[in-house]
Amino acid sequence: MADALELDALWEDFHRVVNMTSAELADWLRVRDSGEVTEPLPDDAGPPLGQHVLAILQKRRTDLTEDDLRAMRKVVDTVTSQTDLENEPRADDTRLRHRLMTVGHDPLKP
């Protein structure tokens, strides 16, 4: 397990880049996976990483597992490598926005 300082930093970074609430993310994952003919059960909607982010958002810091920490690092790395958090987001890149929303980051959200 990570030491306390590393865990604190990761927790803060994760919650900085994941700017969607658990309700917003759950809704997005359901919408994203719905189709014309079928859609998954609400608890099964979305990719595994998106589901893992949703589960982490519902946990306390003291309840995190090693798998949670790996997922949090992956989300922080993904969001920071694919966005410019310092500048205005671009509204015209829908595919990027949807990909990031799947892990809890809406680049158009203030």
PDB file of N, CA and C in Angstrom:
ATOM      1  N   MET A   1       0.844  -1.175   0.000  1.00  0.00           N
ATOM      2  CA  MET A   1       0.000   0.000   0.000  1.00  0.00           C
ATOM      3  C   MET A   1       0.894   1.245   0.000  1.00  0.00           C
ATOM      4  N   ALA A   2       0.390   2.295  -0.594  1.00  0.00           N
ATOM      5  CA  ALA A   2       1.132   3.550  -0.678  1.00  0.00           C
ATOM      6  C   ALA A   2       1.255   4.191   0.705  1.00  0.00           C
ATOM      7  N   ASP A   3       2.320   4.987   0.876  1.00  0.00           N
ATOM      8  CA  ASP A   3       2.449   5.687   2.155  1.00  0.00           C
ATOM      9  C   ASP A   3       1.411   6.816   2.220  1.00  0.00           C
ATOM     10  N   ALA A   4       1.257   7.410   3.395  1.00  0.00           N
ATOM     11  CA  ALA A   4       0.192   8.383   3.633  1.00  0.00           C
ATOM     12  C   ALA A   4       0.312   9.612   2.722  1.00  0.00           C
ATOM     13  N   LEU A   5       1.516  10.114   2.524  1.00  0.00           N
ATOM     14  CA  LEU A   5       1.697  11.295   1.666  1.00  0.00           C
ATOM     15  C   LEU A   5       1.357  10.992   0.217  1.00  0.00           C
ATOM     16  N   GLU A   6       1.818   9.838  -0.252  1.00  0.00           N
ATOM     17  CA  GLU A   6       1.522   9.433  -1.628  1.00  0.00           C
ATOM     18  C   GLU A   6       0.013   9.222  -1.811  1.00  0.00           C
ATOM     19  N   LEU A   7      -0.618   8.595  -0.843  1.00  0.00           N
ATOM     20  CA  LEU A   7      -2.060   8.366  -0.899  1.00  0.00           C
ATOM     21  C   LEU A   7      -2.827   9.681  -0.902  1.00  0.00           C
ATOM     22  N   ASP A   8      -2.412  10.620  -0.057  1.00  0.00           N
ATOM     23  CA  ASP A   8      -3.060  11.934  -0.023  1.00  0.00           C
ATOM     24  C   ASP A   8      -2.947  12.638  -1.372  1.00  0.00           C
ATOM     25  N   ALA A   9      -1.768  12.608  -1.959  1.00  0.00           N
ATOM     26  CA  ALA A   9      -1.547  13.267  -3.247  1.00  0.00           C
ATOM     27  C   ALA A   9      -2.385  12.614  -4.341  1.00  0.00           C
ATOM     28  N   LEU A  10      -2.416  11.283  -4.363  1.00  0.00           N
ATOM     29  CA  LEU A  10      -3.201  10.569  -5.369  1.00  0.00           C
ATOM     30  C   LEU A  10      -4.684  10.853  -5.183  1.00  0.00           C
ATOM     31  N   TRP A  11      -5.158  10.851  -3.952  1.00  0.00           N
ATOM     32  CA  TRP A  11      -6.564  11.137  -3.653  1.00  0.00           C
ATOM     33  C   TRP A  11      -6.944  12.533  -4.173  1.00  0.00           C
ATOM     34  N   GLU A  12      -6.076  13.510  -3.904  1.00  0.00           N
ATOM     35  CA  GLU A  12      -6.341  14.874  -4.367  1.00  0.00           C
ATOM     36  C   GLU A  12      -6.290  14.978  -5.884  1.00  0.00           C
ATOM     37  N   ASP A  13      -5.283  14.359  -6.506  1.00  0.00           N
ATOM     38  CA  ASP A  13      -5.186  14.389  -7.970  1.00  0.00           C
ATOM     39  C   ASP A  13      -6.398  13.721  -8.616  1.00  0.00           C
ATOM     40  N   PHE A  14      -6.795  12.582  -8.089  1.00  0.00           N
ATOM     41  CA  PHE A  14      -7.946  11.845  -8.628  1.00  0.00           C
ATOM     42  C   PHE A  14      -9.207  12.714  -8.548  1.00  0.00           C
ATOM     43  N   HIS A  15      -9.443  13.314  -7.407  1.00  0.00           N
ATOM     44  CA  HIS A  15     -10.659  14.117  -7.247  1.00  0.00           C
ATOM     45  C   HIS A  15     -10.563  15.457  -7.968  1.00  0.00           C
ATOM     46  N   ARG A  16      -9.377  15.865  -8.333  1.00  0.00           N
ATOM     47  CA  ARG A  16      -9.217  17.068  -9.155  1.00  0.00           C
ATOM     48  C   ARG A  16      -9.598  16.767 -10.599  1.00  0.00           C
ATOM     49  N   VAL A  17      -9.168  15.612 -11.125  1.00  0.00           N
ATOM     50  CA  VAL A  17      -9.450  15.297 -12.530  1.00  0.00           C
ATOM     51  C   VAL A  17     -10.824  14.663 -12.720  1.00  0.00           C
ATOM     52  N   VAL A  18     -11.323  13.959 -11.725  1.00  0.00           N
ATOM     53  CA  VAL A  18     -12.671  13.386 -11.821  1.00  0.00           C
ATOM     54  C   VAL A  18     -13.633  14.462 -11.325  1.00  0.00           C
ATOM     55  N   ASN A  19     -14.186  15.212 -12.275  1.00  0.00           N
ATOM     56  CA  ASN A  19     -15.028  16.345 -11.909  1.00  0.00           C
ATOM     57  C   ASN A  19     -16.516  16.053 -12.055  1.00  0.00           C
ATOM     58  N   MET A  20     -16.861  14.812 -12.346  1.00  0.00           N
ATOM     59  CA  MET A  20     -18.264  14.414 -12.409  1.00  0.00           C
ATOM     60  C   MET A  20     -18.639  13.752 -11.082  1.00  0.00           C
ATOM     61  N   THR A  21     -19.871  13.967 -10.660  1.00  0.00           N
ATOM     62  CA  THR A  21     -20.343  13.296  -9.453  1.00  0.00           C
ATOM     63  C   THR A  21     -20.612  11.837  -9.773  1.00  0.00           C
ATOM     64  N   SER A  22     -20.784  11.031  -8.755  1.00  0.00           N
ATOM     65  CA  SER A  22     -21.078   9.619  -9.001  1.00  0.00           C
ATOM     66  C   SER A  22     -22.408   9.470  -9.747  1.00  0.00           C
ATOM     67  N   ALA A  23     -23.384  10.315  -9.450  1.00  0.00           N
ATOM     68  CA  ALA A  23     -24.672  10.252 -10.156  1.00  0.00           C
ATOM     69  C   ALA A  23     -24.500  10.625 -11.635  1.00  0.00           C
ATOM     70  N   GLU A  24     -23.726  11.676 -11.907  1.00  0.00           N
ATOM     71  CA  GLU A  24     -23.488  12.077 -13.298  1.00  0.00           C
ATOM     72  C   GLU A  24     -22.759  10.977 -14.063  1.00  0.00           C
ATOM     73  N   LEU A  25     -21.750  10.383 -13.435  1.00  0.00           N
ATOM     74  CA  LEU A  25     -20.998   9.322 -14.102  1.00  0.00           C
ATOM     75  C   LEU A  25     -21.876   8.107 -14.344  1.00  0.00           C
ATOM     76  N   ALA A  26     -22.656   7.695 -13.361  1.00  0.00           N
ATOM     77  CA  ALA A  26     -23.547   6.539 -13.529  1.00  0.00           C
ATOM     78  C   ALA A  26     -24.530   6.791 -14.671  1.00  0.00           C
ATOM     79  N   ASP A  27     -25.104   7.992 -14.725  1.00  0.00           N
ATOM     80  CA  ASP A  27     -26.028   8.336 -15.815  1.00  0.00           C
ATOM     81  C   ASP A  27     -25.320   8.283 -17.161  1.00  0.00           C
ATOM     82  N   TRP A  28     -24.110   8.848 -17.223  1.00  0.00           N
ATOM     83  CA  TRP A  28     -23.358   8.851 -18.482  1.00  0.00           C
ATOM     84  C   TRP A  28     -23.044   7.426 -18.939  1.00  0.00           C
ATOM     85  N   LEU A  29     -22.614   6.570 -18.036  1.00  0.00           N
ATOM     86  CA  LEU A  29     -22.281   5.197 -18.407  1.00  0.00           C
ATOM     87  C   LEU A  29     -23.509   4.462 -18.932  1.00  0.00           C
ATOM     88  N   ARG A  30     -24.676   4.716 -18.344  1.00  0.00           N
ATOM     89  CA  ARG A  30     -25.909   4.083 -18.832  1.00  0.00           C
ATOM     90  C   ARG A  30     -26.267   4.604 -20.218  1.00  0.00           C
ATOM     91  N   VAL A  31     -26.167   5.913 -20.421  1.00  0.00           N
ATOM     92  CA  VAL A  31     -26.495   6.505 -21.722  1.00  0.00           C
ATOM     93  C   VAL A  31     -25.519   6.013 -22.782  1.00  0.00           C
ATOM     94  N   ARG A  32     -24.260   5.979 -22.436  1.00  0.00           N
ATOM     95  CA  ARG A  32     -23.221   5.572 -23.378  1.00  0.00           C
ATOM     96  C   ARG A  32     -23.423   4.146 -23.877  1.00  0.00           C
ATOM     97  N   ASP A  33     -23.871   3.263 -23.001  1.00  0.00           N
ATOM     98  CA  ASP A  33     -24.029   1.859 -23.366  1.00  0.00           C
ATOM     99  C   ASP A  33     -25.411   1.502 -23.899  1.00  0.00           C
ATOM    100  N   SER A  34     -26.349   2.433 -23.864  1.00  0.00           N
ATOM    101  CA  SER A  34     -27.688   2.099 -24.345  1.00  0.00           C
ATOM    102  C   SER A  34     -27.673   2.026 -25.867  1.00  0.00           C
ATOM    103  N   GLY A  35     -28.447   1.106 -26.379  1.00  0.00           N
ATOM    104  CA  GLY A  35     -28.516   0.921 -27.818  1.00  0.00           C
ATOM    105  C   GLY A  35     -29.954   0.873 -28.281  1.00  0.00           C
ATOM    106  N   GLU A  36     -30.141   0.701 -29.578  1.00  0.00           N
ATOM    107  CA  GLU A  36     -31.487   0.659 -30.128  1.00  0.00           C
ATOM    108  C   GLU A  36     -32.243  -0.575 -29.664  1.00  0.00           C
ATOM    109  N   VAL A  37     -31.551  -1.704 -29.551  1.00  0.00           N
ATOM    110  CA  VAL A  37     -32.225  -2.954 -29.257  1.00  0.00           C
ATOM    111  C   VAL A  37     -32.067  -3.365 -27.799  1.00  0.00           C
ATOM    112  N   THR A  38     -30.867  -3.266 -27.275  1.00  0.00           N
ATOM    113  CA  THR A  38     -30.623  -3.719 -25.910  1.00  0.00           C
ATOM    114  C   THR A  38     -29.760  -2.722 -25.163  1.00  0.00           C
ATOM    115  N   GLU A  39     -29.800  -2.830 -23.882  1.00  0.00           N
ATOM    116  CA  GLU A  39     -28.867  -2.083 -23.052  1.00  0.00           C
ATOM    117  C   GLU A  39     -28.589  -2.921 -21.820  1.00  0.00           C
ATOM    118  N   PRO A  40     -27.398  -2.776 -21.263  1.00  0.00           N
ATOM    119  CA  PRO A  40     -27.032  -3.585 -20.099  1.00  0.00           C
ATOM    120  C   PRO A  40     -27.815  -3.163 -18.859  1.00  0.00           C
ATOM    121  N   LEU A  41     -27.778  -4.008 -17.871  1.00  0.00           N
ATOM    122  CA  LEU A  41     -28.358  -3.630 -16.586  1.00  0.00           C
ATOM    123  C   LEU A  41     -27.641  -2.382 -16.089  1.00  0.00           C
ATOM    124  N   PRO A  42     -28.343  -1.498 -15.376  1.00  0.00           N
ATOM    125  CA  PRO A  42     -27.712  -0.239 -14.956  1.00  0.00           C
ATOM    126  C   PRO A  42     -26.387  -0.418 -14.216  1.00  0.00           C
ATOM    127  N   ASP A  43     -26.275  -1.437 -13.392  1.00  0.00           N
ATOM    128  CA  ASP A  43     -25.036  -1.637 -12.643  1.00  0.00           C
ATOM    129  C   ASP A  43     -23.908  -2.199 -13.500  1.00  0.00           C
ATOM    130  N   ASP A  44     -24.218  -2.649 -14.719  1.00  0.00           N
ATOM    131  CA  ASP A  44     -23.212  -3.221 -15.605  1.00  0.00           C
ATOM    132  C   ASP A  44     -22.852  -2.301 -16.765  1.00  0.00           C
ATOM    133  N   ALA A  45     -23.421  -1.109 -16.793  1.00  0.00           N
ATOM    134  CA  ALA A  45     -23.197  -0.203 -17.922  1.00  0.00           C
ATOM    135  C   ALA A  45     -21.793   0.403 -17.862  1.00  0.00           C
ATOM    136  N   GLY A  46     -21.230   0.573 -19.039  1.00  0.00           N
ATOM    137  CA  GLY A  46     -19.932   1.226 -19.143  1.00  0.00           C
ATOM    138  C   GLY A  46     -18.775   0.252 -19.084  1.00  0.00           C
ATOM    139  N   PRO A  47     -17.589   0.737 -19.456  1.00  0.00           N
ATOM    140  CA  PRO A  47     -16.395  -0.101 -19.427  1.00  0.00           C
ATOM    141  C   PRO A  47     -15.940  -0.356 -17.993  1.00  0.00           C
ATOM    142  N   PRO A  48     -15.118  -1.375 -17.799  1.00  0.00           N
ATOM    143  CA  PRO A  48     -14.662  -1.708 -16.440  1.00  0.00           C
ATOM    144  C   PRO A  48     -13.996  -0.544 -15.709  1.00  0.00           C
ATOM    145  N   LEU A  49     -13.173   0.254 -16.389  1.00  0.00           N
ATOM    146  CA  LEU A  49     -12.518   1.365 -15.706  1.00  0.00           C
ATOM    147  C   LEU A  49     -13.546   2.404 -15.251  1.00  0.00           C
ATOM    148  N   GLY A  50     -14.524   2.687 -16.068  1.00  0.00           N
ATOM    149  CA  GLY A  50     -15.576   3.624 -15.675  1.00  0.00           C
ATOM    150  C   GLY A  50     -16.349   3.116 -14.467  1.00  0.00           C
ATOM    151  N   GLN A  51     -16.645   1.817 -14.452  1.00  0.00           N
ATOM    152  CA  GLN A  51     -17.322   1.221 -13.306  1.00  0.00           C
ATOM    153  C   GLN A  51     -16.450   1.301 -12.055  1.00  0.00           C
ATOM    154  N   HIS A  52     -15.155   1.104 -12.236  1.00  0.00           N
ATOM    155  CA  HIS A  52     -14.232   1.159 -11.101  1.00  0.00           C
ATOM    156  C   HIS A  52     -14.169   2.591 -10.541  1.00  0.00           C
ATOM    157  N   VAL A  53     -14.135   3.587 -11.417  1.00  0.00           N
ATOM    158  CA  VAL A  53     -14.147   4.982 -10.969  1.00  0.00           C
ATOM    159  C   VAL A  53     -15.411   5.253 -10.163  1.00  0.00           C
ATOM    160  N   LEU A  54     -16.531   4.765 -10.657  1.00  0.00           N
ATOM    161  CA  LEU A  54     -17.790   4.948  -9.952  1.00  0.00           C
ATOM    162  C   LEU A  54     -17.732   4.322  -8.555  1.00  0.00           C
ATOM    163  N   ALA A  55     -17.162   3.141  -8.456  1.00  0.00           N
ATOM    164  CA  ALA A  55     -17.028   2.478  -7.152  1.00  0.00           C
ATOM    165  C   ALA A  55     -16.096   3.262  -6.226  1.00  0.00           C
ATOM    166  N   ILE A  56     -15.011   3.804  -6.769  1.00  0.00           N
ATOM    167  CA  ILE A  56     -14.067   4.582  -5.956  1.00  0.00           C
ATOM    168  C   ILE A  56     -14.740   5.844  -5.422  1.00  0.00           C
ATOM    169  N   LEU A  57     -15.549   6.484  -6.247  1.00  0.00           N
ATOM    170  CA  LEU A  57     -16.230   7.706  -5.816  1.00  0.00           C
ATOM    171  C   LEU A  57     -17.155   7.453  -4.623  1.00  0.00           C
ATOM    172  N   GLN A  58     -17.557   6.220  -4.451  1.00  0.00           N
ATOM    173  CA  GLN A  58     -18.475   5.879  -3.372  1.00  0.00           C
ATOM    174  C   GLN A  58     -17.743   5.347  -2.138  1.00  0.00           C
ATOM    175  N   LYS A  59     -16.405   5.410  -2.154  1.00  0.00           N
ATOM    176  CA  LYS A  59     -15.603   4.894  -1.042  1.00  0.00           C
ATOM    177  C   LYS A  59     -14.982   6.026  -0.239  1.00  0.00           C
ATOM    178  N   ARG A  60     -14.615   5.674   0.972  1.00  0.00           N
ATOM    179  CA  ARG A  60     -13.796   6.566   1.789  1.00  0.00           C
ATOM    180  C   ARG A  60     -12.331   6.248   1.480  1.00  0.00           C
ATOM    181  N   ARG A  61     -11.483   7.196   1.711  1.00  0.00           N
ATOM    182  CA  ARG A  61     -10.047   7.023   1.444  1.00  0.00           C
ATOM    183  C   ARG A  61      -9.484   5.795   2.174  1.00  0.00           C
ATOM    184  N   THR A  62      -9.943   5.559   3.394  1.00  0.00           N
ATOM    185  CA  THR A  62      -9.414   4.446   4.200  1.00  0.00           C
ATOM    186  C   THR A  62      -9.844   3.085   3.670  1.00  0.00           C
ATOM    187  N   ASP A  63     -10.834   3.051   2.765  1.00  0.00           N
ATOM    188  CA  ASP A  63     -11.333   1.779   2.239  1.00  0.00           C
ATOM    189  C   ASP A  63     -10.723   1.399   0.886  1.00  0.00           C
ATOM    190  N   LEU A  64      -9.786   2.191   0.390  1.00  0.00           N
ATOM    191  CA  LEU A  64      -9.197   1.930  -0.922  1.00  0.00           C
ATOM    192  C   LEU A  64      -8.331   0.678  -0.906  1.00  0.00           C
ATOM    193  N   THR A  65      -8.377  -0.055  -2.018  1.00  0.00           N
ATOM    194  CA  THR A  65      -7.543  -1.244  -2.195  1.00  0.00           C
ATOM    195  C   THR A  65      -6.409  -0.918  -3.165  1.00  0.00           C
ATOM    196  N   GLU A  66      -5.491  -1.857  -3.315  1.00  0.00           N
ATOM    197  CA  GLU A  66      -4.406  -1.680  -4.296  1.00  0.00           C
ATOM    198  C   GLU A  66      -4.978  -1.539  -5.704  1.00  0.00           C
ATOM    199  N   ASP A  67      -6.027  -2.309  -6.028  1.00  0.00           N
ATOM    200  CA  ASP A  67      -6.667  -2.175  -7.341  1.00  0.00           C
ATOM    201  C   ASP A  67      -7.246  -0.778  -7.530  1.00  0.00           C
ATOM    202  N   ASP A  68      -7.835  -0.237  -6.474  1.00  0.00           N
ATOM    203  CA  ASP A  68      -8.367   1.122  -6.542  1.00  0.00           C
ATOM    204  C   ASP A  68      -7.256   2.123  -6.829  1.00  0.00           C
ATOM    205  N   LEU A  69      -6.135   1.970  -6.152  1.00  0.00           N
ATOM    206  CA  LEU A  69      -5.009   2.896  -6.352  1.00  0.00           C
ATOM    207  C   LEU A  69      -4.477   2.812  -7.778  1.00  0.00           C
ATOM    208  N   ARG A  70      -4.395   1.608  -8.327  1.00  0.00           N
ATOM    209  CA  ARG A  70      -3.952   1.452  -9.723  1.00  0.00           C
ATOM    210  C   ARG A  70      -4.931   2.146 -10.670  1.00  0.00           C
ATOM    211  N   ALA A  71      -6.226   1.952 -10.430  1.00  0.00           N
ATOM    212  CA  ALA A  71      -7.240   2.588 -11.279  1.00  0.00           C
ATOM    213  C   ALA A  71      -7.179   4.107 -11.157  1.00  0.00           C
ATOM    214  N   MET A  72      -6.975   4.595  -9.950  1.00  0.00           N
ATOM    215  CA  MET A  72      -6.881   6.046  -9.741  1.00  0.00           C
ATOM    216  C   MET A  72      -5.681   6.620 -10.483  1.00  0.00           C
ATOM    217  N   ARG A  73      -4.541   5.939 -10.423  1.00  0.00           N
ATOM    218  CA  ARG A  73      -3.344   6.404 -11.153  1.00  0.00           C
ATOM    219  C   ARG A  73      -3.605   6.412 -12.657  1.00  0.00           C
ATOM    220  N   LYS A  74      -4.266   5.373 -13.133  1.00  0.00           N
ATOM    221  CA  LYS A  74      -4.561   5.281 -14.568  1.00  0.00           C
ATOM    222  C   LYS A  74      -5.472   6.428 -14.999  1.00  0.00           C
ATOM    223  N   VAL A  75      -6.483   6.739 -14.206  1.00  0.00           N
ATOM    224  CA  VAL A  75      -7.395   7.832 -14.538  1.00  0.00           C
ATOM    225  C   VAL A  75      -6.657   9.169 -14.528  1.00  0.00           C
ATOM    226  N   VAL A  76      -5.862   9.416 -13.507  1.00  0.00           N
ATOM    227  CA  VAL A  76      -5.094  10.671 -13.435  1.00  0.00           C
ATOM    228  C   VAL A  76      -4.164  10.779 -14.642  1.00  0.00           C
ATOM    229  N   ASP A  77      -3.453   9.707 -14.966  1.00  0.00           N
ATOM    230  CA  ASP A  77      -2.543   9.723 -16.113  1.00  0.00           C
ATOM    231  C   ASP A  77      -3.304   9.942 -17.419  1.00  0.00           C
ATOM    232  N   THR A  78      -4.425   9.264 -17.587  1.00  0.00           N
ATOM    233  CA  THR A  78      -5.225   9.388 -18.807  1.00  0.00           C
ATOM    234  C   THR A  78      -5.732  10.805 -18.993  1.00  0.00           C
ATOM    235  N   VAL A  79      -6.327  11.352 -17.957  1.00  0.00           N
ATOM    236  CA  VAL A  79      -6.909  12.687 -18.067  1.00  0.00           C
ATOM    237  C   VAL A  79      -5.829  13.741 -18.274  1.00  0.00           C
ATOM    238  N   THR A  80      -4.743  13.666 -17.511  1.00  0.00           N
ATOM    239  CA  THR A  80      -3.701  14.695 -17.649  1.00  0.00           C
ATOM    240  C   THR A  80      -2.965  14.592 -18.978  1.00  0.00           C
ATOM    241  N   SER A  81      -2.847  13.399 -19.531  1.00  0.00           N
ATOM    242  CA  SER A  81      -2.144  13.269 -20.811  1.00  0.00           C
ATOM    243  C   SER A  81      -3.029  13.668 -22.000  1.00  0.00           C
ATOM    244  N   GLN A  82      -4.341  13.639 -21.822  1.00  0.00           N
ATOM    245  CA  GLN A  82      -5.240  13.923 -22.942  1.00  0.00           C
ATOM    246  C   GLN A  82      -5.922  15.278 -22.854  1.00  0.00           C
ATOM    247  N   THR A  83      -5.647  16.029 -21.805  1.00  0.00           N
ATOM    248  CA  THR A  83      -6.276  17.342 -21.676  1.00  0.00           C
ATOM    249  C   THR A  83      -5.238  18.376 -21.277  1.00  0.00           C
ATOM    250  N   ASP A  84      -5.628  19.607 -21.449  1.00  0.00           N
ATOM    251  CA  ASP A  84      -4.833  20.731 -20.971  1.00  0.00           C
ATOM    252  C   ASP A  84      -5.661  21.380 -19.872  1.00  0.00           C
ATOM    253  N   LEU A  85      -5.431  20.976 -18.643  1.00  0.00           N
ATOM    254  CA  LEU A  85      -6.253  21.425 -17.521  1.00  0.00           C
ATOM    255  C   LEU A  85      -6.104  22.917 -17.240  1.00  0.00           C
ATOM    256  N   GLU A  86      -5.083  23.549 -17.795  1.00  0.00           N
ATOM    257  CA  GLU A  86      -4.849  24.969 -17.541  1.00  0.00           C
ATOM    258  C   GLU A  86      -5.608  25.866 -18.517  1.00  0.00           C
ATOM    259  N   ASN A  87      -5.926  25.373 -19.720  1.00  0.00           N
ATOM    260  CA  ASN A  87      -6.560  26.207 -20.742  1.00  0.00           C
ATOM    261  C   ASN A  87      -8.005  25.790 -20.976  1.00  0.00           C
ATOM    262  N   GLU A  88      -8.697  26.614 -21.737  1.00  0.00           N
ATOM    263  CA  GLU A  88     -10.091  26.346 -22.044  1.00  0.00           C
ATOM    264  C   GLU A  88     -10.228  25.047 -22.847  1.00  0.00           C
ATOM    265  N   PRO A  89     -11.235  24.227 -22.531  1.00  0.00           N
ATOM    266  CA  PRO A  89     -11.468  23.010 -23.309  1.00  0.00           C
ATOM    267  C   PRO A  89     -12.062  23.358 -24.670  1.00  0.00           C
ATOM    268  N   ARG A  90     -11.910  22.443 -25.582  1.00  0.00           N
ATOM    269  CA  ARG A  90     -12.470  22.626 -26.916  1.00  0.00           C
ATOM    270  C   ARG A  90     -13.780  21.857 -27.011  1.00  0.00           C
ATOM    271  N   ALA A  91     -14.836  22.547 -27.369  1.00  0.00           N
ATOM    272  CA  ALA A  91     -16.162  21.928 -27.446  1.00  0.00           C
ATOM    273  C   ALA A  91     -16.325  21.091 -28.709  1.00  0.00           C
ATOM    274  N   ASP A  92     -15.434  21.259 -29.684  1.00  0.00           N
ATOM    275  CA  ASP A  92     -15.609  20.569 -30.960  1.00  0.00           C
ATOM    276  C   ASP A  92     -15.057  19.145 -30.971  1.00  0.00           C
ATOM    277  N   ASP A  93     -14.378  18.728 -29.944  1.00  0.00           N
ATOM    278  CA  ASP A  93     -13.809  17.381 -29.920  1.00  0.00           C
ATOM    279  C   ASP A  93     -14.698  16.439 -29.101  1.00  0.00           C
ATOM    280  N   THR A  94     -15.816  16.049 -29.700  1.00  0.00           N
ATOM    281  CA  THR A  94     -16.811  15.233 -29.017  1.00  0.00           C
ATOM    282  C   THR A  94     -16.269  13.863 -28.635  1.00  0.00           C
ATOM    283  N   ARG A  95     -15.499  13.239 -29.517  1.00  0.00           N
ATOM    284  CA  ARG A  95     -14.981  11.899 -29.211  1.00  0.00           C
ATOM    285  C   ARG A  95     -14.074  11.922 -27.985  1.00  0.00           C
ATOM    286  N   LEU A  96     -13.183  12.909 -27.901  1.00  0.00           N
ATOM    287  CA  LEU A  96     -12.305  13.034 -26.740  1.00  0.00           C
ATOM    288  C   LEU A  96     -13.128  13.286 -25.483  1.00  0.00           C
ATOM    289  N   ARG A  97     -14.098  14.180 -25.583  1.00  0.00           N
ATOM    290  CA  ARG A  97     -14.936  14.483 -24.420  1.00  0.00           C
ATOM    291  C   ARG A  97     -15.653  13.230 -23.923  1.00  0.00           C
ATOM    292  N   HIS A  98     -16.240  12.471 -24.815  1.00  0.00           N
ATOM    293  CA  HIS A  98     -16.964  11.259 -24.418  1.00  0.00           C
ATOM    294  C   HIS A  98     -16.023  10.218 -23.827  1.00  0.00           C
ATOM    295  N   ARG A  99     -14.833  10.094 -24.378  1.00  0.00           N
ATOM    296  CA  ARG A  99     -13.849   9.146 -23.851  1.00  0.00           C
ATOM    297  C   ARG A  99     -13.452   9.533 -22.418  1.00  0.00           C
ATOM    298  N   LEU A 100     -13.223  10.818 -22.193  1.00  0.00           N
ATOM    299  CA  LEU A 100     -12.853  11.290 -20.861  1.00  0.00           C
ATOM    300  C   LEU A 100     -14.015  11.194 -19.881  1.00  0.00           C
ATOM    301  N   MET A 101     -15.219  11.430 -20.349  1.00  0.00           N
ATOM    302  CA  MET A 101     -16.387  11.322 -19.473  1.00  0.00           C
ATOM    303  C   MET A 101     -16.570   9.889 -18.978  1.00  0.00           C
ATOM    304  N   THR A 102     -16.115   8.926 -19.757  1.00  0.00           N
ATOM    305  CA  THR A 102     -16.226   7.533 -19.357  1.00  0.00           C
ATOM    306  C   THR A 102     -15.403   7.231 -18.105  1.00  0.00           C
ATOM    307  N   VAL A 103     -14.386   8.048 -17.821  1.00  0.00           N
ATOM    308  CA  VAL A 103     -13.601   7.871 -16.602  1.00  0.00           C
ATOM    309  C   VAL A 103     -13.878   8.995 -15.609  1.00  0.00           C
ATOM    310  N   GLY A 104     -14.956   9.754 -15.828  1.00  0.00           N
ATOM    311  CA  GLY A 104     -15.384  10.727 -14.830  1.00  0.00           C
ATOM    312  C   GLY A 104     -14.925  12.152 -15.034  1.00  0.00           C
ATOM    313  N   HIS A 105     -14.329  12.474 -16.176  1.00  0.00           N
ATOM    314  CA  HIS A 105     -13.852  13.843 -16.419  1.00  0.00           C
ATOM    315  C   HIS A 105     -14.608  14.449 -17.585  1.00  0.00           C
ATOM    316  N   ASP A 106     -15.370  15.504 -17.308  1.00  0.00           N
ATOM    317  CA  ASP A 106     -16.043  16.247 -18.373  1.00  0.00           C
ATOM    318  C   ASP A 106     -15.237  17.518 -18.619  1.00  0.00           C
ATOM    319  N   PRO A 107     -14.526  17.586 -19.746  1.00  0.00           N
ATOM    320  CA  PRO A 107     -13.666  18.744 -20.000  1.00  0.00           C
ATOM    321  C   PRO A 107     -14.434  20.049 -20.153  1.00  0.00           C
ATOM    322  N   LEU A 108     -15.737  19.996 -20.394  1.00  0.00           N
ATOM    323  CA  LEU A 108     -16.516  21.213 -20.539  1.00  0.00           C
ATOM    324  C   LEU A 108     -17.141  21.667 -19.225  1.00  0.00           C
ATOM    325  N   LYS A 109     -16.961  20.887 -18.195  1.00  0.00           N
ATOM    326  CA  LYS A 109     -17.530  21.236 -16.887  1.00  0.00           C
ATOM    327  C   LYS A 109     -16.541  22.149 -16.146  1.00  0.00           C
ATOM    328  N   PRO A 110     -17.061  23.255 -15.585  1.00  0.00           N
ATOM    329  CA  PRO A 110     -16.156  24.191 -14.892  1.00  0.00           C
ATOM    330  C   PRO A 110     -15.562  23.585 -13.628  1.00  0.00           C
TER     331      PRO A 110
END
